[in-house]
C-alpha atoms as a PDB file:
ATOM      1  CA  MET A   1      32.778 125.136  38.574  1.00  0.00           C
ATOM      2  CA  ALA A   2      29.485 124.769  36.736  1.00  0.00           C
ATOM      3  CA  LYS A   3      26.398 124.080  38.734  1.00  0.00           C
ATOM      4  CA  TYR A   4      25.314 120.424  38.546  1.00  0.00           C
ATOM      5  CA  ASN A   5      22.193 118.642  39.718  1.00  0.00           C
ATOM      6  CA  TRP A   6      24.057 116.317  42.087  1.00  0.00           C
ATOM      7  CA  LYS A   7      20.954 114.418  43.197  1.00  0.00           C
ATOM      8  CA  GLU A   8      20.151 113.480  39.577  1.00  0.00           C
ATOM      9  CA  LEU A   9      23.793 112.599  38.887  1.00  0.00           C
ATOM     10  CA  GLU A  10      23.920 110.410  42.010  1.00  0.00           C
ATOM     11  CA  LYS A  11      20.730 108.627  40.931  1.00  0.00           C
ATOM     12  CA  GLU A  12      22.094 108.114  37.390  1.00  0.00           C
ATOM     13  CA  PHE A  13      25.352 106.683  38.780  1.00  0.00           C
ATOM     14  CA  ILE A  14      23.621 104.303  41.201  1.00  0.00           C
ATOM     15  CA  LEU A  15      21.159 103.028  38.591  1.00  0.00           C
ATOM     16  CA  GLY A  16      23.646 102.955  35.699  1.00  0.00           C
ATOM     17  CA  ASN A  17      26.317 100.451  34.668  1.00  0.00           C
ATOM     18  CA  TYR A  18      29.311 102.460  35.832  1.00  0.00           C
ATOM     19  CA  LYS A  19      32.293 100.728  37.461  1.00  0.00           C
ATOM     20  CA  SER A  20      33.516 103.708  39.453  1.00  0.00           C
ATOM     21  CA  VAL A  21      32.564 107.256  40.375  1.00  0.00           C
ATOM     22  CA  SER A  22      35.647 108.639  38.611  1.00  0.00           C
ATOM     23  CA  SER A  23      34.764 106.907  35.291  1.00  0.00           C
ATOM     24  CA  PHE A  24      31.215 108.257  35.609  1.00  0.00           C
ATOM     25  CA  LEU A  25      32.482 111.781  36.214  1.00  0.00           C
ATOM     26  CA  ARG A  26      34.889 111.529  33.255  1.00  0.00           C
ATOM     27  CA  GLU A  27      32.036 110.413  30.994  1.00  0.00           C
ATOM     28  CA  LYS A  28      29.975 113.413  32.123  1.00  0.00           C
ATOM     29  CA  ASN A  29      32.965 115.767  31.662  1.00  0.00           C
ATOM     30  CA  ILE A  30      32.871 116.773  35.308  1.00  0.00           C
ATOM     31  CA  PRO A  31      36.323 117.600  36.703  1.00  0.00           C
ATOM     32  CA  CYS A  32      37.473 115.596  39.732  1.00  0.00           C
ATOM     33  CA  THR A  33      38.270 118.253  42.306  1.00  0.00           C
ATOM     34  CA  GLY A  34      38.301 118.170  46.082  1.00  0.00           C
ATOM     35  CA  ASN A  35      34.791 119.592  46.207  1.00  0.00           C
ATOM     36  CA  THR A  36      33.536 117.002  43.657  1.00  0.00           C
ATOM     37  CA  ASN A  37      35.103 114.185  45.654  1.00  0.00           C
ATOM     38  CA  LYS A  38      33.472 115.518  48.802  1.00  0.00           C
ATOM     39  CA  ILE A  39      30.021 115.612  47.104  1.00  0.00           C
ATOM     40  CA  THR A  40      30.356 112.111  45.576  1.00  0.00           C
ATOM     41  CA  THR A  41      31.573 110.465  48.779  1.00  0.00           C
ATOM     42  CA  GLY A  42      29.327 107.460  49.552  1.00  0.00           C
ATOM     43  CA  TRP A  43      27.986 106.999  46.030  1.00  0.00           C
ATOM     44  CA  LYS A  44      29.936 103.781  45.528  1.00  0.00           C
ATOM     45  CA  GLY A  45      28.585 102.340  48.792  1.00  0.00           C
ATOM     46  CA  LYS A  46      25.010 103.188  47.812  1.00  0.00           C
ATOM     47  CA  LYS A  47      25.564 101.484  44.435  1.00  0.00           C
ATOM     48  CA  VAL A  48      26.928  98.345  46.150  1.00  0.00           C
ATOM     49  CA  LYS A  49      23.954  98.333  48.525  1.00  0.00           C
ATOM     50  CA  LYS A  50      21.535  98.653  45.593  1.00  0.00           C
ATOM     51  CA  GLU A  51      23.211  95.698  43.822  1.00  0.00           C
ATOM     52  CA  GLN A  52      22.980  93.600  46.984  1.00  0.00           C
ATOM     53  CA  GLU A  53      19.284  94.404  47.356  1.00  0.00           C
ATOM     54  CA  LYS A  54      18.755  93.557  43.694  1.00  0.00           C
ATOM     55  CA  SER A  55      20.530  90.208  44.091  1.00  0.00           C
ATOM     56  CA  LYS A  56      18.490  89.444  47.201  1.00  0.00           C
ATOM     57  CA  LYS A  57      15.223  90.150  45.370  1.00  0.00           C
ATOM     58  CA  VAL A  58      16.295  88.023  42.392  1.00  0.00           C
ATOM     59  CA  ILE A  59      17.073  85.128  44.736  1.00  0.00           C
ATOM     60  CA  GLU A  60      13.708  85.557  46.483  1.00  0.00           C
ATOM     61  CA  LYS A  61      11.873  85.520  43.126  1.00  0.00           C
ATOM     62  CA  VAL A  62      13.752  82.403  41.988  1.00  0.00           C
ATOM     63  CA  ILE A  63      12.969  80.641  45.271  1.00  0.00           C
ATOM     64  CA  GLU A  64       9.305  81.663  44.996  1.00  0.00           C
ATOM     65  CA  LYS A  65       9.113  80.317  41.424  1.00  0.00           C
ATOM     66  CA  GLU A  66      10.838  77.040  42.383  1.00  0.00           C
ATOM     67  CA  THR A  67       8.527  76.683  45.372  1.00  0.00           C
ATOM     68  CA  THR A  68       5.477  77.137  43.174  1.00  0.00           C
ATOM     69  CA  ILE A  69       6.766  74.553  40.700  1.00  0.00           C
ATOM     70  CA  GLU A  70       7.501  72.064  43.500  1.00  0.00           C
ATOM     71  CA  ALA A  71       4.086  72.654  45.084  1.00  0.00           C
ATOM     72  CA  ASN A  72       2.389  72.049  41.732  1.00  0.00           C
ATOM     73  CA  LYS A  73       4.352  68.814  41.287  1.00  0.00           C
ATOM     74  CA  ARG A  74       3.238  67.597  44.689  1.00  0.00           C
ATOM     75  CA  VAL A  75      -0.392  68.520  44.017  1.00  0.00           C
ATOM     76  CA  ASN A  76      -0.263  66.723  40.665  1.00  0.00           C
ATOM     77  CA  THR A  77       1.329  63.689  42.319  1.00  0.00           C
ATOM     78  CA  LYS A  78      -1.419  63.527  44.909  1.00  0.00           C
ATOM     79  CA  ASP A  79      -4.145  64.054  42.289  1.00  0.00           C
ATOM     80  CA  THR A  80      -2.747  61.213  40.212  1.00  0.00           C
ATOM     81  CA  ALA A  81      -2.471  58.960  43.260  1.00  0.00           C
ATOM     82  CA  ILE A  82      -6.092  59.692  44.161  1.00  0.00           C
ATOM     83  CA  LYS A  83      -7.226  58.853  40.616  1.00  0.00           C
ATOM     84  CA  LEU A  84      -5.262  55.624  40.803  1.00  0.00           C
ATOM     85  CA  LEU A  85      -6.873  54.877  44.155  1.00  0.00           C
ATOM     86  CA  GLU A  86     -10.302  55.287  42.552  1.00  0.00           C
ATOM     87  CA  LYS A  87      -9.298  52.786  39.848  1.00  0.00           C
ATOM     88  CA  ILE A  88      -8.126  50.348  42.513  1.00  0.00           C
ATOM     89  CA  ASN A  89     -11.457  50.725  44.307  1.00  0.00           C
ATOM     90  CA  ASP A  90     -13.232  49.895  41.049  1.00  0.00           C
ATOM     91  CA  SER A  91     -11.007  46.836  40.652  1.00  0.00           C
ATOM     92  CA  MET A  92     -11.783  45.701  44.201  1.00  0.00           C
ATOM     93  CA  GLU A  93     -15.430  45.367  43.302  1.00  0.00           C
ATOM     94  CA  GLU A  94     -14.533  43.069  40.427  1.00  0.00           C
ATOM     95  CA  LEU A  95     -12.088  40.708  42.141  1.00  0.00           C
ATOM     96  CA  ASN A  96     -14.700  37.965  42.360  1.00  0.00           C
ATOM     97  CA  LYS A  97     -16.357  38.603  39.000  1.00  0.00           C
ATOM     98  CA  TYR A  98     -15.613  36.174  36.177  1.00  0.00           C
ATOM     99  CA  PHE A  99     -16.816  35.909  32.607  1.00  0.00           C
ATOM    100  CA  SER A 100     -17.464  32.879  30.489  1.00  0.00           C
ATOM    101  CA  ARG A 101     -17.667  33.065  26.722  1.00  0.00           C
ATOM    102  CA  ASN A 102     -19.378  30.341  24.717  1.00  0.00           C
ATOM    103  CA  SER A 103     -19.283  30.413  20.948  1.00  0.00           C
ATOM    104  CA  LYS A 104     -21.384  28.237  18.702  1.00  0.00           C
ATOM    105  CA  LYS A 105     -21.421  28.027  14.924  1.00  0.00           C
ATOM    106  CA  THR A 106     -24.362  26.468  13.164  1.00  0.00           C
ATOM    107  CA  LYS A 107     -24.103  25.677   9.489  1.00  0.00           C
ATOM    108  CA  THR A 108     -27.311  25.039   7.577  1.00  0.00           C
ATOM    109  CA  VAL A 109     -27.246  23.614   4.077  1.00  0.00           C
ATOM    110  CA  GLU A 110     -30.268  23.482   1.814  1.00  0.00           C
ATOM    111  CA  TYR A 111     -29.799  20.734  -0.706  1.00  0.00           C
ATOM    112  CA  ASP A 112     -31.322  20.676  -4.174  1.00  0.00           C
ATOM    113  CA  TYR A 113     -31.981  17.006  -4.819  1.00  0.00           C
ATOM    114  CA  LYS A 114     -32.940  17.549  -8.470  1.00  0.00           C
ATOM    115  CA  VAL A 115     -29.549  18.958  -9.347  1.00  0.00           C
ATOM    116  CA  GLY A 116     -27.655  16.974  -6.730  1.00  0.00           C
ATOM    117  CA  LYS A 117     -25.881  20.002  -5.287  1.00  0.00           C
ATOM    118  CA  PRO A 118     -26.191  22.268  -2.264  1.00  0.00           C
ATOM    119  CA  LYS A 119     -28.587  25.104  -3.097  1.00  0.00           C
ATOM    120  CA  LYS A 120     -27.903  27.450  -0.190  1.00  0.00           C
ATOM    121  CA  GLU A 121     -25.493  27.486   2.768  1.00  0.00           C
ATOM    122  CA  THR A 122     -25.881  29.685   5.834  1.00  0.00           C
ATOM    123  CA  THR A 123     -23.657  29.934   8.859  1.00  0.00           C
ATOM    124  CA  VAL A 124     -24.944  31.410  12.099  1.00  0.00           C
ATOM    125  CA  ASP A 125     -22.481  32.488  14.772  1.00  0.00           C
ATOM    126  CA  GLN A 126     -23.827  32.669  18.278  1.00  0.00           C
ATOM    127  CA  GLU A 127     -21.816  34.017  21.142  1.00  0.00           C
ATOM    128  CA  GLU A 128     -22.942  34.022  24.713  1.00  0.00           C
ATOM    129  CA  ILE A 129     -21.113  35.812  27.498  1.00  0.00           C
ATOM    130  CA  GLN A 130     -22.032  34.922  31.034  1.00  0.00           C
ATOM    131  CA  GLU A 131     -21.041  36.814  34.124  1.00  0.00           C
ATOM    132  CA  PHE A 132     -20.797  34.977  37.400  1.00  0.00           C
ATOM    133  CA  TYR A 133     -19.337  35.492  40.837  1.00  0.00           C
ATOM    134  CA  SER A 134     -17.057  33.173  42.711  1.00  0.00           C
ATOM    135  CA  ILE A 135     -14.441  33.335  45.455  1.00  0.00           C
ATOM    136  CA  VAL A 136     -12.102  36.337  45.470  1.00  0.00           C
ATOM    137  CA  ASP A 137      -8.967  36.025  43.354  1.00  0.00           C
ATOM    138  CA  ARG A 138      -6.241  35.931  46.014  1.00  0.00           C
ATOM    139  CA  SER A 139      -3.379  37.028  43.758  1.00  0.00           C
ATOM    140  CA  GLY A 140      -5.482  39.942  42.504  1.00  0.00           C
ATOM    141  CA  LEU A 141      -6.262  40.910  46.084  1.00  0.00           C
ATOM    142  CA  LYS A 142      -2.560  40.771  46.988  1.00  0.00           C
ATOM    143  CA  GLN A 143      -1.674  42.952  43.988  1.00  0.00           C
ATOM    144  CA  LEU A 144      -4.303  45.558  44.866  1.00  0.00           C
ATOM    145  CA  THR A 145      -3.166  45.585  48.501  1.00  0.00           C
ATOM    146  CA  SER A 146       0.406  46.227  47.389  1.00  0.00           C
ATOM    147  CA  ALA A 147      -0.731  49.026  45.061  1.00  0.00           C
ATOM    148  CA  LEU A 148      -2.734  50.584  47.907  1.00  0.00           C
ATOM    149  CA  LYS A 149       0.335  50.520  50.160  1.00  0.00           C
ATOM    150  CA  ASP A 150       2.360  52.258  47.462  1.00  0.00           C
ATOM    151  CA  ILE A 151      -0.323  54.911  47.015  1.00  0.00           C
ATOM    152  CA  ASN A 152      -0.478  55.414  50.780  1.00  0.00           C
ATOM    153  CA  ASP A 153       3.293  55.963  50.809  1.00  0.00           C
ATOM    154  CA  ILE A 154       2.978  58.519  47.999  1.00  0.00           C
ATOM    155  CA  LEU A 155       0.084  60.385  49.606  1.00  0.00           C
ATOM    156  CA  ASN A 156       1.785  60.505  53.011  1.00  0.00           C
ATOM    157  CA  GLY A 157       5.086  61.666  51.561  1.00  0.00           C
ATOM    158  CA  THR A 158       7.113  58.606  52.587  1.00  0.00           C
ATOM    159  CA  ASN A 159       7.864  58.028  48.929  1.00  0.00           C
ATOM    160  CA  SER A 160       8.267  61.654  47.891  1.00  0.00           C
ATOM    161  CA  PRO A 161       9.427  62.974  44.493  1.00  0.00           C
ATOM    162  CA  GLU A 162      12.693  64.198  46.073  1.00  0.00           C
ATOM    163  CA  THR A 163      13.752  60.636  46.855  1.00  0.00           C
ATOM    164  CA  SER A 164      12.948  59.176  43.455  1.00  0.00           C
ATOM    165  CA  GLU A 165      13.131  60.388  39.903  1.00  0.00           C
ATOM    166  CA  THR A 166       9.483  60.786  38.856  1.00  0.00           C
ATOM    167  CA  PHE A 167       6.009  59.854  39.959  1.00  0.00           C
ATOM    168  CA  ALA A 168       5.502  57.898  36.725  1.00  0.00           C
ATOM    169  CA  GLN A 169       8.526  55.766  37.587  1.00  0.00           C
ATOM    170  CA  GLU A 170       7.146  55.204  41.096  1.00  0.00           C
ATOM    171  CA  ILE A 171       3.842  53.992  39.682  1.00  0.00           C
ATOM    172  CA  GLU A 172       5.593  51.825  37.088  1.00  0.00           C
ATOM    173  CA  LYS A 173       7.738  50.265  39.833  1.00  0.00           C
ATOM    174  CA  ALA A 174       4.673  49.628  41.990  1.00  0.00           C
ATOM    175  CA  TRP A 175       2.841  47.915  39.134  1.00  0.00           C
ATOM    176  CA  ARG A 176       5.922  45.882  38.196  1.00  0.00           C
ATOM    177  CA  ASN A 177       6.307  44.727  41.829  1.00  0.00           C
ATOM    178  CA  ARG A 178       2.628  43.977  41.998  1.00  0.00           C
ATOM    179  CA  ASN A 179       2.738  41.846  38.861  1.00  0.00           C
ATOM    180  CA  GLU A 180       5.831  39.936  40.022  1.00  0.00           C
ATOM    181  CA  GLN A 181       4.118  38.794  43.234  1.00  0.00           C
END
């Protein structure tokens, strides 16, 4: 029997895509004798163990990747909710602010009495916008309160992305409910 580097052959078998030890030995033109069988005992078990470890690591990597994606979604959801909260705070300051627009057109005609016709026409548009404060708009206050409750639910996880389809749909629903009230 020729001398073989059994450690290298074992490593090649374990790391290769061989179905069985006997098919590996046939491919390498190594005769299957009692001594060969004795040397290769346990190779199949080591290969199975390596495949199990590989599968375990693949699963761990997939879970890690999914966890990162889910964490990023939650961070983005909270960031968006905080931005929306800032917009609501801005709106709160304007609940009692109203605007009045007054438009006035002035038409001036210069008349040429010698000819008996208008000589020159000019039109001046004046627009005045006034800002004034009054009592708080109750329906606006109710809408903002509802939106704040929805944002609180999102930020505290009571309305989490797992229980609904997307954050955008949650916001859309909140605004639709707010506008219906």
